[in-house]
Structure formats: structure tokens, C-alpha cells
C-alpha atoms as a PDB file:
ATOM      1  CA  MET A   1      -0.010  -0.016  -0.019  1.00  0.00           C
ATOM      2  CA  LYS A   2       1.477   3.485  -0.750  1.00  0.00           C
ATOM      3  CA  LEU A   3       1.452   5.972   1.670  1.00  0.00           C
ATOM      4  CA  SER A   4       0.634   9.405   1.010  1.00  0.00           C
ATOM      5  CA  GLY A   5       0.616  12.994   2.407  1.00  0.00           C
ATOM      6  CA  ILE A   6      -2.882  12.577   3.976  1.00  0.00           C
ATOM      7  CA  LEU A   7      -2.051   9.855   6.559  1.00  0.00           C
ATOM      8  CA  PHE A   8      -3.642  11.782   9.286  1.00  0.00           C
ATOM      9  CA  ALA A   9      -6.063  14.352   7.739  1.00  0.00           C
ATOM     10  CA  PHE A  10      -9.000  11.999   6.752  1.00  0.00           C
ATOM     11  CA  GLY A  11     -10.792   9.036   8.168  1.00  0.00           C
ATOM     12  CA  PHE A  12      -9.653   9.310  11.693  1.00  0.00           C
ATOM     13  CA  LEU A  13     -12.975   8.914  13.472  1.00  0.00           C
ATOM     14  CA  ALA A  14     -14.299   6.189  10.935  1.00  0.00           C
ATOM     15  CA  CYS A  15     -11.265   4.082  12.131  1.00  0.00           C
ATOM     16  CA  ALA A  16     -12.021   4.312  15.868  1.00  0.00           C
ATOM     17  CA  ILE A  17     -13.597   0.792  15.597  1.00  0.00           C
ATOM     18  CA  ALA A  18     -11.179  -2.097  15.524  1.00  0.00           C
ATOM     19  CA  THR A  19     -11.697  -4.660  12.761  1.00  0.00           C
ATOM     20  CA  GLY A  20     -11.013  -8.362  12.609  1.00  0.00           C
ATOM     21  CA  CYS A  21     -12.196 -11.410  14.234  1.00  0.00           C
ATOM     22  CA  ALA A  22     -10.827 -13.550  16.943  1.00  0.00           C
ATOM     23  CA  LYS A  23      -9.486 -16.842  15.678  1.00  0.00           C
ATOM     24  CA  ASP A  24      -8.218 -20.028  17.299  1.00  0.00           C
ATOM     25  CA  ASN A  25      -5.279 -19.333  19.731  1.00  0.00           C
ATOM     26  CA  GLN A  26      -2.938 -21.632  18.056  1.00  0.00           C
ATOM     27  CA  PRO A  27      -1.574 -20.547  14.441  1.00  0.00           C
ATOM     28  CA  GLU A  28      -1.790 -23.057  11.711  1.00  0.00           C
ATOM     29  CA  ALA A  29       0.413 -23.465   8.476  1.00  0.00           C
ATOM     30  CA  THR A  30      -2.059 -22.624   5.630  1.00  0.00           C
ATOM     31  CA  SER A  31       0.822 -21.864   3.188  1.00  0.00           C
ATOM     32  CA  ALA A  32       4.550 -22.126   3.513  1.00  0.00           C
ATOM     33  CA  SER A  33       5.849 -21.168   0.009  1.00  0.00           C
ATOM     34  CA  GLY A  34       9.803 -21.270  -0.195  1.00  0.00           C
ATOM     35  CA  SER A  35      12.055 -23.385   2.004  1.00  0.00           C
ATOM     36  CA  THR A  36      12.718 -20.508   4.356  1.00  0.00           C
ATOM     37  CA  ALA A  37       9.406 -20.628   5.719  1.00  0.00           C
ATOM     38  CA  VAL A  38       9.275 -24.294   6.145  1.00  0.00           C
ATOM     39  CA  ALA A  39      12.484 -24.424   7.923  1.00  0.00           C
ATOM     40  CA  ILE A  40      11.400 -21.692  10.462  1.00  0.00           C
ATOM     41  CA  SER A  41       8.477 -23.481  11.974  1.00  0.00           C
ATOM     42  CA  ALA A  42       5.656 -25.603  10.916  1.00  0.00           C
ATOM     43  CA  SER A  43       3.197 -23.805  13.277  1.00  0.00           C
ATOM     44  CA  ILE A  44       3.621 -20.382  11.410  1.00  0.00           C
ATOM     45  CA  ARG A  45       0.796 -19.456   9.032  1.00  0.00           C
ATOM     46  CA  SER A  46       2.796 -17.598   6.219  1.00  0.00           C
ATOM     47  CA  GLU A  47       2.760 -16.716   2.491  1.00  0.00           C
ATOM     48  CA  VAL A  48       5.232 -15.130   0.165  1.00  0.00           C
ATOM     49  CA  VAL A  49       4.907 -11.438  -0.222  1.00  0.00           C
ATOM     50  CA  SER A  50       7.651 -10.747  -2.666  1.00  0.00           C
ATOM     51  CA  SER A  51       9.694 -12.612  -5.138  1.00  0.00           C
ATOM     52  CA  ALA A  52      12.365 -13.104  -2.167  1.00  0.00           C
ATOM     53  CA  PRO A  53      11.850 -16.387  -0.414  1.00  0.00           C
ATOM     54  CA  ASN A  54      13.210 -14.630   2.745  1.00  0.00           C
ATOM     55  CA  VAL A  55      10.170 -12.317   3.027  1.00  0.00           C
ATOM     56  CA  GLN A  56       7.119 -13.960   4.531  1.00  0.00           C
ATOM     57  CA  LYS A  57       3.666 -12.745   5.736  1.00  0.00           C
ATOM     58  CA  VAL A  58       2.692 -14.233   9.000  1.00  0.00           C
ATOM     59  CA  THR A  59      -0.648 -14.340  10.916  1.00  0.00           C
ATOM     60  CA  PHE A  60      -0.859 -14.943  14.633  1.00  0.00           C
ATOM     61  CA  TYR A  61      -3.439 -14.536  17.384  1.00  0.00           C
ATOM     62  CA  SER A  62      -2.933 -11.501  19.633  1.00  0.00           C
ATOM     63  CA  ASP A  63      -4.372 -12.100  23.139  1.00  0.00           C
ATOM     64  CA  SER A  64      -4.191  -8.459  24.022  1.00  0.00           C
ATOM     65  CA  LEU A  65      -6.313  -7.434  20.904  1.00  0.00           C
ATOM     66  CA  SER A  66      -8.394 -10.772  20.806  1.00  0.00           C
ATOM     67  CA  LYS A  67      -7.970 -11.209  17.138  1.00  0.00           C
ATOM     68  CA  ASP A  68      -5.487 -12.191  14.404  1.00  0.00           C
ATOM     69  CA  MET A  69      -2.639  -9.766  13.441  1.00  0.00           C
ATOM     70  CA  ARG A  70      -0.318 -10.114  10.495  1.00  0.00           C
ATOM     71  CA  PHE A  71       3.323  -9.090  10.128  1.00  0.00           C
ATOM     72  CA  ASN A  72       5.779  -9.294   7.283  1.00  0.00           C
ATOM     73  CA  ILE A  73       9.096 -10.749   8.297  1.00  0.00           C
ATOM     74  CA  TYR A  74      12.468 -10.416   6.482  1.00  0.00           C
ATOM     75  CA  LEU A  75      15.137 -13.145   7.277  1.00  0.00           C
ATOM     76  CA  PRO A  76      18.680 -12.490   6.165  1.00  0.00           C
ATOM     77  CA  PRO A  77      20.404 -14.302   3.629  1.00  0.00           C
ATOM     78  CA  ASP A  78      21.744 -17.483   4.875  1.00  0.00           C
ATOM     79  CA  TYR A  79      19.555 -17.341   7.780  1.00  0.00           C
ATOM     80  CA  ALA A  80      20.144 -20.425  10.294  1.00  0.00           C
ATOM     81  CA  ALA A  81      18.461 -21.467  13.389  1.00  0.00           C
ATOM     82  CA  THR A  82      21.850 -22.181  14.805  1.00  0.00           C
ATOM     83  CA  LYS A  83      22.639 -18.462  14.968  1.00  0.00           C
ATOM     84  CA  LYS A  84      20.815 -15.602  16.745  1.00  0.00           C
ATOM     85  CA  TYR A  85      20.052 -12.309  15.054  1.00  0.00           C
ATOM     86  CA  PRO A  86      18.966  -8.867  16.187  1.00  0.00           C
ATOM     87  CA  VAL A  87      15.601  -7.889  15.461  1.00  0.00           C
ATOM     88  CA  LEU A  88      14.142  -4.557  14.100  1.00  0.00           C
ATOM     89  CA  TYR A  89      10.420  -3.725  14.311  1.00  0.00           C
ATOM     90  CA  LEU A  90       9.244  -1.192  12.109  1.00  0.00           C
ATOM     91  CA  TYR A  91       5.684   0.399  12.296  1.00  0.00           C
ATOM     92  CA  HIS A  92       3.672   1.948   9.405  1.00  0.00           C
ATOM     93  CA  GLY A  93       2.014   5.336   9.188  1.00  0.00           C
ATOM     94  CA  TYR A  94      -1.609   6.090   9.551  1.00  0.00           C
ATOM     95  CA  GLY A  95      -3.475   4.380   6.734  1.00  0.00           C
ATOM     96  CA  GLY A  96      -0.712   2.114   6.110  1.00  0.00           C
ATOM     97  CA  ASP A  97      -0.225  -1.670   6.867  1.00  0.00           C
ATOM     98  CA  GLU A  98       2.448  -4.468   7.247  1.00  0.00           C
ATOM     99  CA  ASP A  99       3.312  -3.969   3.699  1.00  0.00           C
ATOM    100  CA  SER A 100       4.398  -0.311   4.124  1.00  0.00           C
ATOM    101  CA  TRP A 101       8.005  -1.127   5.061  1.00  0.00           C
ATOM    102  CA  ILE A 102       8.322  -4.468   3.361  1.00  0.00           C
ATOM    103  CA  PRO A 103       8.064  -4.647   0.378  1.00  0.00           C
ATOM    104  CA  ALA A 104       6.739  -1.121  -0.582  1.00  0.00           C
ATOM    105  CA  LEU A 105       9.759   0.895   0.645  1.00  0.00           C
ATOM    106  CA  GLY A 106      12.159  -1.793  -0.387  1.00  0.00           C
ATOM    107  CA  ILE A 107      13.910  -2.140   3.112  1.00  0.00           C
ATOM    108  CA  ASP A 108      14.179  -5.744   2.619  1.00  0.00           C
ATOM    109  CA  LYS A 109      16.172  -5.138  -0.775  1.00  0.00           C
ATOM    110  CA  ALA A 110      18.364  -2.543   0.977  1.00  0.00           C
ATOM    111  CA  ALA A 111      19.104  -4.931   3.727  1.00  0.00           C
ATOM    112  CA  ASP A 112      20.268  -7.571   1.171  1.00  0.00           C
ATOM    113  CA  GLU A 113      22.598  -5.139  -0.322  1.00  0.00           C
ATOM    114  CA  LEU A 114      24.097  -3.758   2.915  1.00  0.00           C
ATOM    115  CA  ILE A 115      24.776  -7.246   4.419  1.00  0.00           C
ATOM    116  CA  ARG A 116      26.317  -8.274   1.085  1.00  0.00           C
ATOM    117  CA  GLU A 117      28.617  -5.078   1.102  1.00  0.00           C
ATOM    118  CA  GLY A 118      29.530  -5.934   4.761  1.00  0.00           C
ATOM    119  CA  LYS A 119      28.032  -2.670   6.041  1.00  0.00           C
ATOM    120  CA  ILE A 120      25.383  -3.947   8.301  1.00  0.00           C
ATOM    121  CA  THR A 121      25.211  -6.926  10.847  1.00  0.00           C
ATOM    122  CA  PRO A 122      22.626  -9.481   9.453  1.00  0.00           C
ATOM    123  CA  LEU A 123      19.326  -8.887  11.094  1.00  0.00           C
ATOM    124  CA  ILE A 124      15.589  -9.948  11.243  1.00  0.00           C
ATOM    125  CA  ILE A 125      13.169  -7.150  10.188  1.00  0.00           C
ATOM    126  CA  VAL A 126       9.434  -7.313  11.194  1.00  0.00           C
ATOM    127  CA  SER A 127       6.835  -4.948   9.843  1.00  0.00           C
ATOM    128  CA  PRO A 128       3.407  -5.545  11.822  1.00  0.00           C
ATOM    129  CA  GLU A 129       0.142  -4.248  11.207  1.00  0.00           C
ATOM    130  CA  ILE A 130      -1.109  -1.936  14.039  1.00  0.00           C
ATOM    131  CA  ASP A 131      -4.245  -0.478  12.052  1.00  0.00           C
ATOM    132  CA  ASN A 132      -4.609   3.194  12.816  1.00  0.00           C
ATOM    133  CA  SER A 133      -4.236   2.891  16.463  1.00  0.00           C
ATOM    134  CA  TYR A 134      -1.152   4.959  17.415  1.00  0.00           C
ATOM    135  CA  GLY A 135       0.125   1.910  19.193  1.00  0.00           C
ATOM    136  CA  PHE A 136      -0.866   2.755  22.662  1.00  0.00           C
ATOM    137  CA  ASN A 137      -3.591   1.171  24.851  1.00  0.00           C
ATOM    138  CA  SER A 138      -6.991   2.831  24.497  1.00  0.00           C
ATOM    139  CA  ASN A 139     -10.779   2.143  23.935  1.00  0.00           C
ATOM    140  CA  TYR A 140      -9.554   1.438  20.277  1.00  0.00           C
ATOM    141  CA  GLY A 141      -7.678  -1.871  21.698  1.00  0.00           C
ATOM    142  CA  ASN A 142      -4.519  -2.580  23.827  1.00  0.00           C
ATOM    143  CA  TYR A 143      -2.215  -2.086  20.897  1.00  0.00           C
ATOM    144  CA  SER A 144       0.879  -1.249  23.301  1.00  0.00           C
ATOM    145  CA  ASP A 145       0.432  -4.688  24.999  1.00  0.00           C
ATOM    146  CA  TYR A 146       0.102  -6.228  21.475  1.00  0.00           C
ATOM    147  CA  ILE A 147       3.510  -4.711  20.482  1.00  0.00           C
ATOM    148  CA  VAL A 148       5.598  -5.067  23.598  1.00  0.00           C
ATOM    149  CA  LYS A 149       4.150  -8.425  24.682  1.00  0.00           C
ATOM    150  CA  ASP A 150       2.196 -10.609  22.131  1.00  0.00           C
ATOM    151  CA  LEU A 151       4.467  -9.625  19.046  1.00  0.00           C
ATOM    152  CA  ILE A 152       7.706  -9.701  20.688  1.00  0.00           C
ATOM    153  CA  GLN A 153       7.027 -12.908  22.625  1.00  0.00           C
ATOM    154  CA  TYR A 154       5.774 -14.600  19.246  1.00  0.00           C
ATOM    155  CA  VAL A 155       8.758 -13.574  17.076  1.00  0.00           C
ATOM    156  CA  ASP A 156      11.197 -14.532  19.856  1.00  0.00           C
ATOM    157  CA  GLY A 157       9.365 -17.733  20.258  1.00  0.00           C
ATOM    158  CA  ASN A 158       9.354 -18.704  16.649  1.00  0.00           C
ATOM    159  CA  PHE A 159      12.579 -17.383  14.946  1.00  0.00           C
ATOM    160  CA  SER A 160      16.011 -17.366  16.053  1.00  0.00           C
ATOM    161  CA  THR A 161      16.223 -13.998  17.615  1.00  0.00           C
ATOM    162  CA  LEU A 162      18.890 -12.361  19.916  1.00  0.00           C
ATOM    163  CA  ALA A 163      16.320 -11.855  22.706  1.00  0.00           C
ATOM    164  CA  THR A 164      18.002  -9.031  24.487  1.00  0.00           C
ATOM    165  CA  LYS A 165      17.545  -5.215  24.965  1.00  0.00           C
ATOM    166  CA  ASN A 166      20.678  -4.649  22.808  1.00  0.00           C
ATOM    167  CA  GLY A 167      19.609  -7.024  20.201  1.00  0.00           C
ATOM    168  CA  ARG A 168      15.995  -5.533  19.933  1.00  0.00           C
ATOM    169  CA  TYR A 169      15.379  -2.277  17.818  1.00  0.00           C
ATOM    170  CA  ILE A 170      12.093  -0.243  17.195  1.00  0.00           C
ATOM    171  CA  GLY A 171      11.260   2.233  14.776  1.00  0.00           C
ATOM    172  CA  GLY A 172       8.488   3.544  12.344  1.00  0.00           C
ATOM    173  CA  LEU A 173       7.378   6.462  10.077  1.00  0.00           C
ATOM    174  CA  SER A 174       4.973   9.241  10.686  1.00  0.00           C
ATOM    175  CA  MET A 175       2.316   7.737  13.051  1.00  0.00           C
ATOM    176  CA  GLY A 176       4.497   4.692  13.364  1.00  0.00           C
ATOM    177  CA  GLY A 177       7.501   6.931  14.605  1.00  0.00           C
ATOM    178  CA  TRP A 178       5.208   8.131  17.448  1.00  0.00           C
ATOM    179  CA  VAL A 179       4.296   4.583  18.162  1.00  0.00           C
ATOM    180  CA  ALA A 180       8.168   3.539  18.132  1.00  0.00           C
ATOM    181  CA  LEU A 181       9.202   6.316  20.499  1.00  0.00           C
ATOM    182  CA  HIS A 182       6.096   6.085  22.723  1.00  0.00           C
ATOM    183  CA  ASN A 183       6.743   2.405  23.397  1.00  0.00           C
ATOM    184  CA  ALA A 184      10.493   2.551  23.687  1.00  0.00           C
ATOM    185  CA  PHE A 185      10.393   5.445  26.079  1.00  0.00           C
ATOM    186  CA  SER A 186       7.706   3.685  27.997  1.00  0.00           C
ATOM    187  CA  HIS A 187       9.726   0.371  28.100  1.00  0.00           C
ATOM    188  CA  PRO A 188      13.354   1.227  27.842  1.00  0.00           C
ATOM    189  CA  GLU A 189      14.281  -2.096  29.228  1.00  0.00           C
ATOM    190  CA  LEU A 190      13.183  -3.742  26.070  1.00  0.00           C
ATOM    191  CA  PHE A 191      14.792  -1.686  23.180  1.00  0.00           C
ATOM    192  CA  GLY A 192      18.578  -0.671  22.554  1.00  0.00           C
ATOM    193  CA  LYS A 193      17.672   1.583  19.692  1.00  0.00           C
ATOM    194  CA  VAL A 194      14.759   3.487  18.511  1.00  0.00           C
ATOM    195  CA  GLY A 195      14.246   5.548  15.322  1.00  0.00           C
ATOM    196  CA  GLY A 196      11.418   8.155  14.414  1.00  0.00           C
ATOM    197  CA  HIS A 197      11.360   8.594  10.795  1.00  0.00           C
ATOM    198  CA  SER A 198       9.133  11.803  10.094  1.00  0.00           C
ATOM    199  CA  PRO A 199       7.857  10.913  13.576  1.00  0.00           C
ATOM    200  CA  ALA A 200       4.452  12.326  14.440  1.00  0.00           C
ATOM    201  CA  VAL A 201       5.599  14.216  17.585  1.00  0.00           C
ATOM    202  CA  TRP A 202       3.043  17.020  17.445  1.00  0.00           C
ATOM    203  CA  MET A 203       4.084  20.302  18.666  1.00  0.00           C
ATOM    204  CA  ASP A 204       1.768  23.466  18.313  1.00  0.00           C
ATOM    205  CA  TYR A 205       0.732  22.643  14.905  1.00  0.00           C
ATOM    206  CA  TRP A 206      -1.930  19.956  14.566  1.00  0.00           C
ATOM    207  CA  ALA A 207      -3.185  20.336  10.831  1.00  0.00           C
ATOM    208  CA  ASP A 208      -6.532  19.101  10.174  1.00  0.00           C
ATOM    209  CA  THR A 209      -6.656  15.901  12.159  1.00  0.00           C
ATOM    210  CA  SER A 210     -10.188  15.326  12.720  1.00  0.00           C
ATOM    211  CA  GLY A 211      -9.980  15.262  16.675  1.00  0.00           C
ATOM    212  CA  LEU A 212      -6.925  13.357  16.728  1.00  0.00           C
ATOM    213  CA  LYS A 213      -5.305  15.538  19.572  1.00  0.00           C
ATOM    214  CA  ASP A 214      -8.347  15.076  21.888  1.00  0.00           C
ATOM    215  CA  TRP A 215      -8.141  11.232  21.324  1.00  0.00           C
ATOM    216  CA  ILE A 216      -4.442  10.682  21.932  1.00  0.00           C
ATOM    217  CA  TYR A 217      -4.215  13.427  24.597  1.00  0.00           C
ATOM    218  CA  PRO A 218      -7.455  14.040  26.339  1.00  0.00           C
ATOM    219  CA  THR A 219      -6.001  15.426  29.479  1.00  0.00           C
ATOM    220  CA  GLU A 220      -2.730  17.001  30.132  1.00  0.00           C
ATOM    221  CA  GLU A 221      -1.905  14.107  32.748  1.00  0.00           C
ATOM    222  CA  ILE A 222      -2.541  11.468  30.004  1.00  0.00           C
ATOM    223  CA  ARG A 223      -0.382  13.560  27.718  1.00  0.00           C
ATOM    224  CA  LYS A 224       2.516  13.448  30.168  1.00  0.00           C
ATOM    225  CA  GLN A 225       2.229   9.682  30.261  1.00  0.00           C
ATOM    226  CA  SER A 226       2.030   9.244  26.480  1.00  0.00           C
ATOM    227  CA  ASP A 227       3.607  12.015  24.607  1.00  0.00           C
ATOM    228  CA  PRO A 228       7.338  11.023  23.607  1.00  0.00           C
ATOM    229  CA  TYR A 229       8.281  14.744  23.925  1.00  0.00           C
ATOM    230  CA  LEU A 230       7.075  14.566  27.538  1.00  0.00           C
ATOM    231  CA  LEU A 231       8.250  11.175  28.234  1.00  0.00           C
ATOM    232  CA  ALA A 232      11.799  12.181  27.399  1.00  0.00           C
ATOM    233  CA  ASP A 233      11.939  14.378  30.519  1.00  0.00           C
ATOM    234  CA  THR A 234      11.477  11.365  32.927  1.00  0.00           C
ATOM    235  CA  ALA A 235      12.179   7.965  31.103  1.00  0.00           C
ATOM    236  CA  ASP A 236      15.612   6.316  31.607  1.00  0.00           C
ATOM    237  CA  LEU A 237      17.130   6.536  28.213  1.00  0.00           C
ATOM    238  CA  SER A 238      20.809   6.298  29.433  1.00  0.00           C
ATOM    239  CA  SER A 239      21.521   3.018  27.438  1.00  0.00           C
ATOM    240  CA  MET A 240      19.380   3.795  24.233  1.00  0.00           C
ATOM    241  CA  SER A 241      20.437   5.379  21.099  1.00  0.00           C
ATOM    242  CA  ILE A 242      17.803   7.443  19.206  1.00  0.00           C
ATOM    243  CA  TYR A 243      17.728   8.318  15.673  1.00  0.00           C
ATOM    244  CA  LEU A 244      15.343  11.185  14.352  1.00  0.00           C
ATOM    245  CA  ASP A 245      14.840  12.371  10.795  1.00  0.00           C
ATOM    246  CA  SER A 246      12.437  14.538   8.913  1.00  0.00           C
ATOM    247  CA  GLY A 247      12.025  16.144   5.425  1.00  0.00           C
ATOM    248  CA  ASP A 248      12.372  19.886   5.314  1.00  0.00           C
ATOM    249  CA  GLN A 249       9.070  20.223   3.362  1.00  0.00           C
ATOM    250  CA  ASP A 250       6.967  18.011   5.633  1.00  0.00           C
ATOM    251  CA  HIS A 251       3.504  19.563   5.550  1.00  0.00           C
ATOM    252  CA  TYR A 252       2.863  18.353   9.046  1.00  0.00           C
ATOM    253  CA  LYS A 253       5.884  20.174  10.177  1.00  0.00           C
ATOM    254  CA  PHE A 254       7.086  17.090  12.120  1.00  0.00           C
ATOM    255  CA  TYR A 255      10.630  18.359  11.797  1.00  0.00           C
ATOM    256  CA  GLN A 256       9.750  20.760  14.574  1.00  0.00           C
ATOM    257  CA  GLY A 257       8.745  17.831  17.129  1.00  0.00           C
ATOM    258  CA  ALA A 258      11.844  15.847  16.072  1.00  0.00           C
ATOM    259  CA  ALA A 259      14.418  18.618  16.438  1.00  0.00           C
ATOM    260  CA  ALA A 260      12.846  19.837  19.691  1.00  0.00           C
ATOM    261  CA  LEU A 261      12.978  16.038  20.997  1.00  0.00           C
ATOM    262  CA  ASP A 262      16.620  15.661  19.777  1.00  0.00           C
ATOM    263  CA  THR A 263      17.468  18.978  21.656  1.00  0.00           C
ATOM    264  CA  LYS A 264      15.866  17.701  24.971  1.00  0.00           C
ATOM    265  CA  LEU A 265      17.450  14.300  24.621  1.00  0.00           C
ATOM    266  CA  ARG A 266      20.888  15.744  24.155  1.00  0.00           C
ATOM    267  CA  SER A 267      20.528  18.132  27.352  1.00  0.00           C
ATOM    268  CA  ARG A 268      20.034  14.853  29.343  1.00  0.00           C
ATOM    269  CA  ASN A 269      23.169  13.413  27.530  1.00  0.00           C
ATOM    270  CA  VAL A 270      21.164  10.877  25.774  1.00  0.00           C
ATOM    271  CA  SER A 271      22.713   9.348  22.760  1.00  0.00           C
ATOM    272  CA  SER A 272      20.469  11.193  20.002  1.00  0.00           C
ATOM    273  CA  GLU A 273      21.047  12.324  16.413  1.00  0.00           C
ATOM    274  CA  PHE A 274      18.650  14.456  14.146  1.00  0.00           C
ATOM    275  CA  HIS A 275      18.816  14.683  10.414  1.00  0.00           C
ATOM    276  CA  LEU A 276      16.674  17.274   8.518  1.00  0.00           C
ATOM    277  CA  ASN A 277      16.857  16.318   4.938  1.00  0.00           C
ATOM    278  CA  PRO A 278      15.473  17.620   1.659  1.00  0.00           C
ATOM    279  CA  GLY A 279      11.976  16.216   1.084  1.00  0.00           C
ATOM    280  CA  GLY A 280       8.408  15.769   2.055  1.00  0.00           C
ATOM    281  CA  HIS A 281       6.232  13.498   4.155  1.00  0.00           C
ATOM    282  CA  ASP A 282       5.819  10.633   1.638  1.00  0.00           C
ATOM    283  CA  ASP A 283       7.330   7.510   0.128  1.00  0.00           C
ATOM    284  CA  THR A 284       9.589   9.097  -2.090  1.00  0.00           C
ATOM    285  CA  TYR A 285      11.459  10.626   0.995  1.00  0.00           C
ATOM    286  CA  TRP A 286      11.432   7.430   3.181  1.00  0.00           C
ATOM    287  CA  SER A 287      12.694   5.172   0.425  1.00  0.00           C
ATOM    288  CA  LYS A 288      15.548   7.531  -0.182  1.00  0.00           C
ATOM    289  CA  HIS A 289      16.645   6.882   3.205  1.00  0.00           C
ATOM    290  CA  VAL A 290      16.329   3.296   4.077  1.00  0.00           C
ATOM    291  CA  ARG A 291      19.806   2.611   3.900  1.00  0.00           C
ATOM    292  CA  ASP A 292      20.553   5.328   6.298  1.00  0.00           C
ATOM    293  CA  TYR A 293      18.003   3.736   8.851  1.00  0.00           C
ATOM    294  CA  LEU A 294      19.677   0.413   8.520  1.00  0.00           C
ATOM    295  CA  LEU A 295      23.220   1.812   9.187  1.00  0.00           C
ATOM    296  CA  PHE A 296      22.028   3.393  12.201  1.00  0.00           C
ATOM    297  CA  TYR A 297      20.168   0.205  13.482  1.00  0.00           C
ATOM    298  CA  ALA A 298      22.703  -2.640  12.430  1.00  0.00           C
ATOM    299  CA  GLY A 299      25.600  -0.851  11.119  1.00  0.00           C
ATOM    300  CA  LYS A 300      29.331  -0.424  12.305  1.00  0.00           C
ATOM    301  CA  SER A 301      29.368  -3.933  14.306  1.00  0.00           C
ATOM    302  CA  PRO A 302      27.075  -2.847  17.174  1.00  0.00           C
ATOM    303  CA  GLN A 303      27.940  -4.339  20.503  1.00  0.00           C
ATOM    304  CA  ILE A 304      25.566  -7.081  21.106  1.00  0.00           C
ATOM    305  CA  PRO A 305      26.055  -9.493  24.010  1.00  0.00           C
END
């Protein structure tokens, strides 16, 4: 699905009702196209989502949401169950889905290239669906619990992962950037690195977002507990690395929030970097920078216990 510059402006209230039906608690294998899927686990319901056999779509049951959820997963070349790999979780923007990063933005192809060039450590990449939830627990569903409990437990239980803080990364674009920052800052014990790519860290400018502010931040007290910009005041981020970027023509002005957050993090001696690049708030911008993102998450031989 192609993302667009109207990720937040339309359809917000109509999407306040979660969709999908609960399934049996145990996933079943309905399709395992390619030897990679077969070798992973016979219990995974999966299908090929691109021409590459190391990219699969997996469906599993989320206890927190009481329904089936999907994610696409990239496995590095020569993936072997005898090795342990760091895992990068990447979240889509408003109106997107599990296909937004893989295959739409081509981060799987970029990972293949960078691994082949010896520039990044081989890693697993997971791009889950989160609907239009902003990835927090609300009357829309317990999406934060789905992210930090169900999804991580399922991936660690079915794939050969390095299941440690320093072997687990989280990132996202637009809404997904807010999701990544919110969950990383709320659970710093789980993630070693977090990236906000054109992250929806709203400052004074909210555009036409159909009541989005009132839904996410109905009170100032709830905002203090949810807003990544405010969480950065109190969260222990001393052992986390943060990457922020935005296009200088982002019509939501998310460069303002990203820059302000970076300044705050640096003032607390947190490892943070902010990149203001030419471009807007669209697939063209993000696809140009997927290699940069991967170099942050897995480049330069990161120290992993």
C-alpha cells in the first residue's frame, strides 16, 4: 500500500472501531511457500509477499487484541536457526499496513545489499500491522500490549532472535514513529535503539486531524504519560540510542517535534541524532533513506552481548 501525505487528515473517526475477528489461539500453517518458511516453524501461517523467499507474511493470534494480526518478516541471507539475530520492528504510518515497509519501501532489498557489502550486521526485520491505533492502549484496543508483549514473545518464540535489549530495535514512520518512540520510552528495558522517521511528535501545529489531539491526549496528565516529547523528561534512556529525521518540506511540520525532542535528549546526555533532509512526508522521502536507517540500527558492528 502506498502511503501518502494525507495519512492523518482523513478518516480518523471512522477508524475508531477495530476490525477483525478472533481466531483459534494456535496459528496453523496454511501456506509455506519457499524453503525458508518451512525451515522456520511448521506452526506459522505464512505466505510469500515478494519474489524473495526470505520475506514472509505471518498471521498470529494476539491475546491483547483478541484477534488475528499480521506481520511481514525479512530473514537475512543464509538465515540459520543455529545463529541468533538482532530484530528490528518497523511500524507503518496512518492508513498503512504491514506491507508499507516490506515490500513497499524496499527495506528488505536494501538490507540484502548492505549485508552483502558488509556494512550492517545480518538482522531480522519485522513490519507489523497496527491499524490506525497509534500503538497505545486505548478504547480502540490494547495495541501497546500487543506490541511489547504478544508480538515480541511470538517472534522470539518462533524465530532465531537475539532476545535481549541490545539485540532489539524499534522504529517507524509518521504515526509509526510516534508508536516507536512512545513504546521505547515507556519500556526502555526492551529496546536498545529507536528511530523516529518523520515521527508524528506534534508540537503546536496539528493540521486538520479530525479530533486526533483529543483522542491521544484527552487530558494533560494523560499526555505526560504518552507524548514521547514529555516522556523524554523522565524516562531512563541512558542506555538507548535514538535516531530522528524529517523532510524539510514535511507539511505536518514534524521536523519541529523531531528537532525539539533531539535537543531535549541531548540536554539529558542521551545518545540522539537528528537529520533534517530535503523532502516531504511521503514514500519518496522514506525510500531514499532506508539505507541510512539500516546503518543506524545495524551498522558498524554494534556491540551485542
